Amino acid sequence: MPETGFELDPRLEAPGIFLGDFSLCRVFLFDDARFPWLMLVPRRPKAVEILDLAPEDQQVLFAETLQAAEALRAVSRPDKLNIGALGNVVPQLHVHVVGRFASDPAWPGPVWGHGERRPYPPHMAGPLADRFARQLGFEL
């Protein structure tokens, strides 16, 4: 299915560092140094729920989510992975893959609504994004 008509909600783009495109999803490193966090946005117009995707795209989304989770685990070595497609604030379909540590500031609760986002320092953001991009198979 073509991505004609796809527009990324600016509220998803603003806190993210673009890493690359899978066949279905645009992939971002969520710019919050408190948690290793990837975000996948299927490039399908008007998709709000996973159910809005064609069955083939649902399967691709699942596979790409697993690929992102494996990359996050390889790069960050978290104690636990949280994967979710909430969309309560930004309805455009997107999937969060968040690495959690027993020592993180929100543990064991959810990351959403816990404190203020803390962007990566500039000297860390680029190298970390490069590590994730390489692990995900994106060309730099």
N, C-alpha and C. Protein backbone atom coordinates (compact mmCIF):
# COMPACT_ATOMS: atom_id res chain seq x y z
N MET A 1 0.85 -1.18 0.00
CA MET A 1 0.00 0.00 0.00
C MET A 1 0.89 1.24 0.00
N PRO A 2 0.64 2.21 -0.88
CA PRO A 2 1.49 3.39 -0.94
C PRO A 2 1.28 4.28 0.29
N GLU A 3 2.29 5.10 0.57
CA GLU A 3 2.17 6.01 1.70
C GLU A 3 1.63 7.37 1.28
N THR A 4 1.00 7.45 0.12
CA THR A 4 0.43 8.69 -0.35
C THR A 4 -0.53 9.24 0.69
N GLY A 5 -0.38 10.50 1.02
CA GLY A 5 -1.25 11.14 2.00
C GLY A 5 -0.74 11.03 3.42
N PHE A 6 0.35 10.30 3.65
CA PHE A 6 0.90 10.18 5.01
C PHE A 6 1.53 11.50 5.41
N GLU A 7 1.16 11.98 6.58
CA GLU A 7 1.79 13.15 7.17
C GLU A 7 2.08 12.84 8.63
N LEU A 8 3.31 13.05 9.03
CA LEU A 8 3.71 12.79 10.40
C LEU A 8 3.22 13.91 11.31
N ASP A 9 2.52 13.54 12.36
CA ASP A 9 2.07 14.53 13.34
C ASP A 9 3.30 15.19 13.95
N PRO A 10 3.39 16.51 13.95
CA PRO A 10 4.57 17.19 14.49
C PRO A 10 4.84 16.87 15.95
N ARG A 11 3.81 16.46 16.69
CA ARG A 11 4.01 16.12 18.10
C ARG A 11 4.78 14.80 18.25
N LEU A 12 4.80 13.99 17.20
CA LEU A 12 5.61 12.78 17.22
C LEU A 12 7.03 13.07 16.76
N GLU A 13 7.15 13.96 15.81
CA GLU A 13 8.46 14.29 15.25
C GLU A 13 9.31 15.11 16.21
N ALA A 14 8.68 16.05 16.92
CA ALA A 14 9.43 17.01 17.74
C ALA A 14 10.33 16.35 18.79
N PRO A 15 9.86 15.37 19.55
CA PRO A 15 10.75 14.80 20.57
C PRO A 15 11.59 13.63 20.06
N GLY A 16 11.66 13.47 18.75
CA GLY A 16 12.37 12.32 18.21
C GLY A 16 13.58 12.68 17.39
N ILE A 17 14.50 11.73 17.31
CA ILE A 17 15.66 11.84 16.44
C ILE A 17 15.45 10.78 15.36
N PHE A 18 15.27 11.22 14.13
CA PHE A 18 14.98 10.30 13.02
C PHE A 18 16.15 9.34 12.82
N LEU A 19 15.84 8.04 12.77
CA LEU A 19 16.86 7.02 12.56
C LEU A 19 16.81 6.43 11.16
N GLY A 20 15.61 6.26 10.61
CA GLY A 20 15.48 5.67 9.29
C GLY A 20 14.08 5.12 9.09
N ASP A 21 13.87 4.56 7.90
CA ASP A 21 12.57 3.98 7.56
C ASP A 21 12.70 2.49 7.33
N PHE A 22 11.86 1.72 8.03
CA PHE A 22 11.64 0.32 7.70
C PHE A 22 10.70 0.31 6.50
N SER A 23 10.28 -0.85 6.06
CA SER A 23 9.38 -0.90 4.91
C SER A 23 8.03 -0.25 5.23
N LEU A 24 7.59 -0.31 6.49
CA LEU A 24 6.31 0.28 6.88
C LEU A 24 6.49 1.50 7.77
N CYS A 25 7.37 1.42 8.73
CA CYS A 25 7.45 2.43 9.78
C CYS A 25 8.62 3.38 9.66
N ARG A 26 8.37 4.62 10.04
CA ARG A 26 9.42 5.60 10.28
C ARG A 26 9.87 5.37 11.73
N VAL A 27 11.17 5.35 11.96
CA VAL A 27 11.70 5.00 13.28
C VAL A 27 12.46 6.18 13.87
N PHE A 28 12.16 6.44 15.13
CA PHE A 28 12.79 7.54 15.86
C PHE A 28 13.38 7.04 17.17
N LEU A 29 14.47 7.67 17.59
CA LEU A 29 14.94 7.56 18.96
C LEU A 29 14.23 8.67 19.71
N PHE A 30 13.45 8.32 20.72
CA PHE A 30 12.76 9.32 21.52
C PHE A 30 13.81 10.03 22.35
N ASP A 31 13.84 11.34 22.27
CA ASP A 31 14.90 12.14 22.88
C ASP A 31 14.61 12.39 24.36
N ASP A 32 14.80 11.33 25.15
CA ASP A 32 14.63 11.42 26.59
C ASP A 32 15.71 10.56 27.24
N ALA A 33 16.72 11.21 27.79
CA ALA A 33 17.87 10.50 28.33
C ALA A 33 17.53 9.65 29.55
N ARG A 34 16.35 9.80 30.10
CA ARG A 34 15.98 9.00 31.27
C ARG A 34 15.68 7.55 30.91
N PHE A 35 15.28 7.31 29.64
CA PHE A 35 14.86 5.98 29.23
C PHE A 35 15.33 5.71 27.79
N PRO A 36 15.93 4.55 27.50
CA PRO A 36 16.18 4.21 26.09
C PRO A 36 14.82 3.92 25.44
N TRP A 37 14.52 4.59 24.31
CA TRP A 37 13.14 4.59 23.84
C TRP A 37 13.12 4.77 22.33
N LEU A 38 12.56 3.80 21.64
CA LEU A 38 12.35 3.91 20.20
C LEU A 38 10.87 4.08 19.93
N MET A 39 10.55 4.75 18.83
CA MET A 39 9.15 4.97 18.44
C MET A 39 9.02 4.67 16.96
N LEU A 40 8.02 3.86 16.61
CA LEU A 40 7.75 3.49 15.23
C LEU A 40 6.42 4.09 14.81
N VAL A 41 6.41 4.72 13.64
CA VAL A 41 5.19 5.33 13.12
C VAL A 41 4.90 4.73 11.74
N PRO A 42 3.84 3.92 11.62
CA PRO A 42 3.50 3.37 10.30
C PRO A 42 3.16 4.51 9.34
N ARG A 43 3.71 4.44 8.15
CA ARG A 43 3.48 5.49 7.14
C ARG A 43 2.20 5.19 6.37
N ARG A 44 1.11 5.23 7.08
CA ARG A 44 -0.21 5.02 6.50
C ARG A 44 -1.11 6.17 6.93
N PRO A 45 -1.75 6.84 5.96
CA PRO A 45 -2.60 7.97 6.31
C PRO A 45 -3.80 7.54 7.14
N LYS A 46 -4.14 8.36 8.09
CA LYS A 46 -5.34 8.21 8.92
C LYS A 46 -5.34 6.95 9.79
N ALA A 47 -4.20 6.29 9.97
CA ALA A 47 -4.15 5.12 10.85
C ALA A 47 -4.10 5.62 12.29
N VAL A 48 -5.07 5.19 13.07
CA VAL A 48 -5.16 5.55 14.49
C VAL A 48 -4.95 4.32 15.36
N GLU A 49 -5.54 3.22 14.96
CA GLU A 49 -5.44 1.96 15.70
C GLU A 49 -4.74 0.93 14.82
N ILE A 50 -4.15 -0.07 15.45
CA ILE A 50 -3.53 -1.16 14.69
C ILE A 50 -4.58 -1.81 13.79
N LEU A 51 -5.81 -1.83 14.24
CA LEU A 51 -6.91 -2.40 13.45
C LEU A 51 -7.18 -1.63 12.17
N ASP A 52 -6.72 -0.39 12.08
CA ASP A 52 -6.90 0.41 10.87
C ASP A 52 -5.96 -0.01 9.75
N LEU A 53 -4.94 -0.79 10.08
CA LEU A 53 -3.99 -1.26 9.06
C LEU A 53 -4.54 -2.49 8.36
N ALA A 54 -4.15 -2.65 7.10
CA ALA A 54 -4.47 -3.88 6.37
C ALA A 54 -3.81 -5.05 7.11
N PRO A 55 -4.38 -6.24 7.03
CA PRO A 55 -3.80 -7.39 7.74
C PRO A 55 -2.31 -7.60 7.44
N GLU A 56 -1.90 -7.37 6.19
CA GLU A 56 -0.48 -7.53 5.85
C GLU A 56 0.37 -6.50 6.59
N ASP A 57 -0.14 -5.27 6.68
CA ASP A 57 0.59 -4.21 7.39
C ASP A 57 0.64 -4.50 8.89
N GLN A 58 -0.39 -5.11 9.42
CA GLN A 58 -0.37 -5.48 10.85
C GLN A 58 0.78 -6.45 11.11
N GLN A 59 0.96 -7.40 10.22
CA GLN A 59 2.05 -8.37 10.38
C GLN A 59 3.42 -7.69 10.26
N VAL A 60 3.52 -6.77 9.32
CA VAL A 60 4.79 -6.05 9.15
C VAL A 60 5.06 -5.19 10.38
N LEU A 61 4.03 -4.53 10.90
CA LEU A 61 4.20 -3.71 12.10
C LEU A 61 4.72 -4.56 13.26
N PHE A 62 4.15 -5.74 13.43
CA PHE A 62 4.58 -6.63 14.51
C PHE A 62 6.05 -7.01 14.32
N ALA A 63 6.42 -7.37 13.10
CA ALA A 63 7.81 -7.77 12.82
C ALA A 63 8.77 -6.60 13.03
N GLU A 64 8.39 -5.41 12.59
CA GLU A 64 9.26 -4.26 12.76
C GLU A 64 9.36 -3.85 14.23
N THR A 65 8.28 -4.02 14.98
CA THR A 65 8.32 -3.74 16.42
C THR A 65 9.28 -4.69 17.11
N LEU A 66 9.24 -5.97 16.74
CA LEU A 66 10.18 -6.93 17.32
C LEU A 66 11.62 -6.60 16.95
N GLN A 67 11.83 -6.16 15.72
CA GLN A 67 13.18 -5.78 15.28
C GLN A 67 13.68 -4.59 16.11
N ALA A 68 12.80 -3.62 16.35
CA ALA A 68 13.18 -2.46 17.17
C ALA A 68 13.46 -2.89 18.61
N ALA A 69 12.66 -3.80 19.13
CA ALA A 69 12.87 -4.28 20.50
C ALA A 69 14.20 -5.01 20.63
N GLU A 70 14.54 -5.82 19.64
CA GLU A 70 15.83 -6.51 19.65
C GLU A 70 16.99 -5.51 19.60
N ALA A 71 16.85 -4.48 18.79
CA ALA A 71 17.89 -3.46 18.69
C ALA A 71 18.04 -2.72 20.02
N LEU A 72 16.93 -2.37 20.63
CA LEU A 72 16.98 -1.66 21.90
C LEU A 72 17.65 -2.54 22.96
N ARG A 73 17.28 -3.80 22.97
CA ARG A 73 17.88 -4.73 23.94
C ARG A 73 19.39 -4.87 23.70
N ALA A 74 19.80 -4.95 22.44
CA ALA A 74 21.22 -5.10 22.12
C ALA A 74 22.03 -3.86 22.50
N VAL A 75 21.48 -2.68 22.25
CA VAL A 75 22.22 -1.44 22.51
C VAL A 75 22.18 -1.06 23.98
N SER A 76 21.03 -1.19 24.63
CA SER A 76 20.86 -0.65 25.98
C SER A 76 20.86 -1.67 27.11
N ARG A 77 20.64 -2.94 26.79
CA ARG A 77 20.63 -4.00 27.81
C ARG A 77 19.68 -3.69 28.98
N PRO A 78 18.42 -3.36 28.71
CA PRO A 78 17.50 -3.03 29.81
C PRO A 78 17.10 -4.28 30.61
N ASP A 79 16.57 -4.03 31.79
CA ASP A 79 16.04 -5.12 32.62
C ASP A 79 14.73 -5.64 32.05
N LYS A 80 13.97 -4.75 31.41
CA LYS A 80 12.63 -5.08 30.91
C LYS A 80 12.33 -4.21 29.70
N LEU A 81 11.54 -4.74 28.78
CA LEU A 81 11.07 -3.96 27.64
C LEU A 81 9.58 -3.70 27.81
N ASN A 82 9.17 -2.46 27.57
CA ASN A 82 7.75 -2.10 27.53
C ASN A 82 7.43 -1.72 26.10
N ILE A 83 6.37 -2.32 25.56
CA ILE A 83 5.94 -2.04 24.19
C ILE A 83 4.48 -1.65 24.24
N GLY A 84 4.15 -0.51 23.62
CA GLY A 84 2.75 -0.09 23.67
C GLY A 84 2.40 0.86 22.55
N ALA A 85 1.12 0.82 22.19
CA ALA A 85 0.55 1.74 21.20
C ALA A 85 -0.63 2.42 21.88
N LEU A 86 -0.35 3.48 22.63
CA LEU A 86 -1.38 4.12 23.43
C LEU A 86 -2.19 5.12 22.61
N GLY A 87 -1.55 6.18 22.18
CA GLY A 87 -2.21 7.17 21.33
C GLY A 87 -3.28 7.99 22.01
N ASN A 88 -3.24 8.11 23.32
CA ASN A 88 -4.26 8.91 24.01
C ASN A 88 -4.04 10.41 23.81
N VAL A 89 -2.80 10.84 23.68
CA VAL A 89 -2.50 12.25 23.49
C VAL A 89 -2.36 12.57 22.00
N VAL A 90 -1.60 11.75 21.29
CA VAL A 90 -1.43 11.91 19.83
C VAL A 90 -2.08 10.70 19.18
N PRO A 91 -3.23 10.89 18.53
CA PRO A 91 -3.95 9.73 18.01
C PRO A 91 -3.31 9.02 16.82
N GLN A 92 -2.41 9.67 16.09
CA GLN A 92 -1.78 8.99 14.96
C GLN A 92 -1.10 7.72 15.46
N LEU A 93 -1.33 6.61 14.78
CA LEU A 93 -0.78 5.33 15.21
C LEU A 93 0.73 5.39 15.33
N HIS A 94 1.22 5.02 16.49
CA HIS A 94 2.65 4.91 16.74
C HIS A 94 2.86 3.90 17.86
N VAL A 95 4.01 3.25 17.82
CA VAL A 95 4.33 2.21 18.79
C VAL A 95 5.59 2.63 19.54
N HIS A 96 5.52 2.55 20.86
CA HIS A 96 6.66 2.85 21.72
C HIS A 96 7.34 1.55 22.12
N VAL A 97 8.66 1.54 22.07
CA VAL A 97 9.46 0.44 22.58
C VAL A 97 10.42 1.09 23.58
N VAL A 98 10.19 0.81 24.87
CA VAL A 98 10.90 1.51 25.93
C VAL A 98 11.70 0.50 26.75
N GLY A 99 12.96 0.79 26.93
CA GLY A 99 13.80 -0.02 27.80
C GLY A 99 13.64 0.48 29.23
N ARG A 100 13.44 -0.46 30.14
CA ARG A 100 13.24 -0.09 31.54
C ARG A 100 14.31 -0.74 32.41
N PHE A 101 14.68 -0.01 33.43
CA PHE A 101 15.66 -0.48 34.41
C PHE A 101 15.05 -0.34 35.80
N ALA A 102 15.36 -1.27 36.67
CA ALA A 102 14.86 -1.18 38.04
C ALA A 102 15.33 0.11 38.70
N SER A 103 16.38 0.71 38.17
CA SER A 103 16.93 1.96 38.72
C SER A 103 16.38 3.22 38.04
N ASP A 104 15.50 3.07 37.04
CA ASP A 104 15.04 4.29 36.34
C ASP A 104 14.06 5.07 37.22
N PRO A 105 13.89 6.37 36.94
CA PRO A 105 13.10 7.22 37.84
C PRO A 105 11.61 6.89 37.90
N ALA A 106 11.08 6.14 36.96
CA ALA A 106 9.66 5.82 36.97
C ALA A 106 9.37 4.39 37.45
N TRP A 107 10.41 3.59 37.64
CA TRP A 107 10.24 2.17 37.99
C TRP A 107 9.45 2.01 39.27
N PRO A 108 8.52 1.10 39.36
CA PRO A 108 8.04 0.17 38.34
C PRO A 108 6.85 0.71 37.57
N GLY A 109 6.49 1.96 37.77
CA GLY A 109 5.33 2.54 37.11
C GLY A 109 5.59 2.85 35.65
N PRO A 110 4.58 3.39 34.96
CA PRO A 110 4.74 3.74 33.55
C PRO A 110 5.61 4.98 33.37
N VAL A 111 6.21 5.10 32.20
CA VAL A 111 7.05 6.26 31.91
C VAL A 111 6.21 7.49 31.56
N TRP A 112 5.01 7.26 31.04
CA TRP A 112 4.17 8.38 30.61
C TRP A 112 3.71 9.18 31.82
N GLY A 113 3.88 10.49 31.73
CA GLY A 113 3.43 11.37 32.79
C GLY A 113 4.36 11.41 33.99
N HIS A 114 5.52 10.80 33.87
CA HIS A 114 6.46 10.81 34.99
C HIS A 114 7.52 11.86 34.74
N GLY A 115 7.40 12.98 35.39
CA GLY A 115 8.40 14.04 35.27
C GLY A 115 8.47 14.65 33.89
N GLU A 116 9.50 15.43 33.68
CA GLU A 116 9.71 16.13 32.41
C GLU A 116 10.75 15.38 31.58
N ARG A 117 10.52 15.38 30.27
CA ARG A 117 11.48 14.79 29.35
C ARG A 117 12.82 15.50 29.51
N ARG A 118 13.89 14.73 29.49
CA ARG A 118 15.24 15.29 29.60
C ARG A 118 16.00 14.92 28.33
N PRO A 119 16.12 15.85 27.38
CA PRO A 119 16.81 15.55 26.12
C PRO A 119 18.25 15.10 26.35
N TYR A 120 18.73 14.27 25.44
CA TYR A 120 20.13 13.85 25.49
C TYR A 120 21.02 15.07 25.29
N PRO A 121 22.15 15.12 25.98
CA PRO A 121 23.11 16.19 25.70
C PRO A 121 23.59 16.04 24.25
N PRO A 122 23.88 17.15 23.58
CA PRO A 122 24.27 17.08 22.16
C PRO A 122 25.42 16.12 21.88
N HIS A 123 26.39 16.03 22.79
CA HIS A 123 27.53 15.14 22.55
C HIS A 123 27.15 13.67 22.64
N MET A 124 25.99 13.35 23.22
CA MET A 124 25.54 11.96 23.32
C MET A 124 24.50 11.59 22.26
N ALA A 125 23.68 12.55 21.87
CA ALA A 125 22.54 12.27 20.98
C ALA A 125 22.98 11.66 19.66
N GLY A 126 23.94 12.28 18.99
CA GLY A 126 24.39 11.79 17.69
C GLY A 126 24.99 10.40 17.74
N PRO A 127 25.96 10.17 18.63
CA PRO A 127 26.55 8.83 18.70
C PRO A 127 25.53 7.75 19.08
N LEU A 128 24.62 8.05 19.99
CA LEU A 128 23.62 7.06 20.38
C LEU A 128 22.68 6.77 19.21
N ALA A 129 22.24 7.82 18.52
CA ALA A 129 21.38 7.63 17.35
C ALA A 129 22.11 6.78 16.30
N ASP A 130 23.39 7.02 16.11
CA ASP A 130 24.17 6.23 15.15
C ASP A 130 24.22 4.75 15.56
N ARG A 131 24.41 4.49 16.86
CA ARG A 131 24.45 3.10 17.33
C ARG A 131 23.12 2.41 17.06
N PHE A 132 22.02 3.10 17.36
CA PHE A 132 20.71 2.51 17.11
C PHE A 132 20.48 2.31 15.61
N ALA A 133 20.84 3.31 14.82
CA ALA A 133 20.63 3.20 13.37
C ALA A 133 21.39 2.01 12.79
N ARG A 134 22.64 1.84 13.21
CA ARG A 134 23.42 0.69 12.74
C ARG A 134 22.78 -0.62 13.19
N GLN A 135 22.36 -0.70 14.45
CA GLN A 135 21.76 -1.92 14.97
C GLN A 135 20.46 -2.25 14.23
N LEU A 136 19.75 -1.22 13.80
CA LEU A 136 18.49 -1.42 13.07
C LEU A 136 18.71 -1.69 11.58
N GLY A 137 19.95 -1.56 11.13
CA GLY A 137 20.26 -1.83 9.73
C GLY A 137 20.07 -0.65 8.80
N PHE A 138 20.01 0.55 9.34
CA PHE A 138 19.87 1.74 8.51
C PHE A 138 21.25 2.22 8.09
N GLU A 139 21.36 2.70 6.87
CA GLU A 139 22.62 3.26 6.39
C GLU A 139 22.81 4.63 6.98
N LEU A 140 24.01 4.92 7.38
CA LEU A 140 24.32 6.23 7.97
C LEU A 140 24.85 7.18 6.92
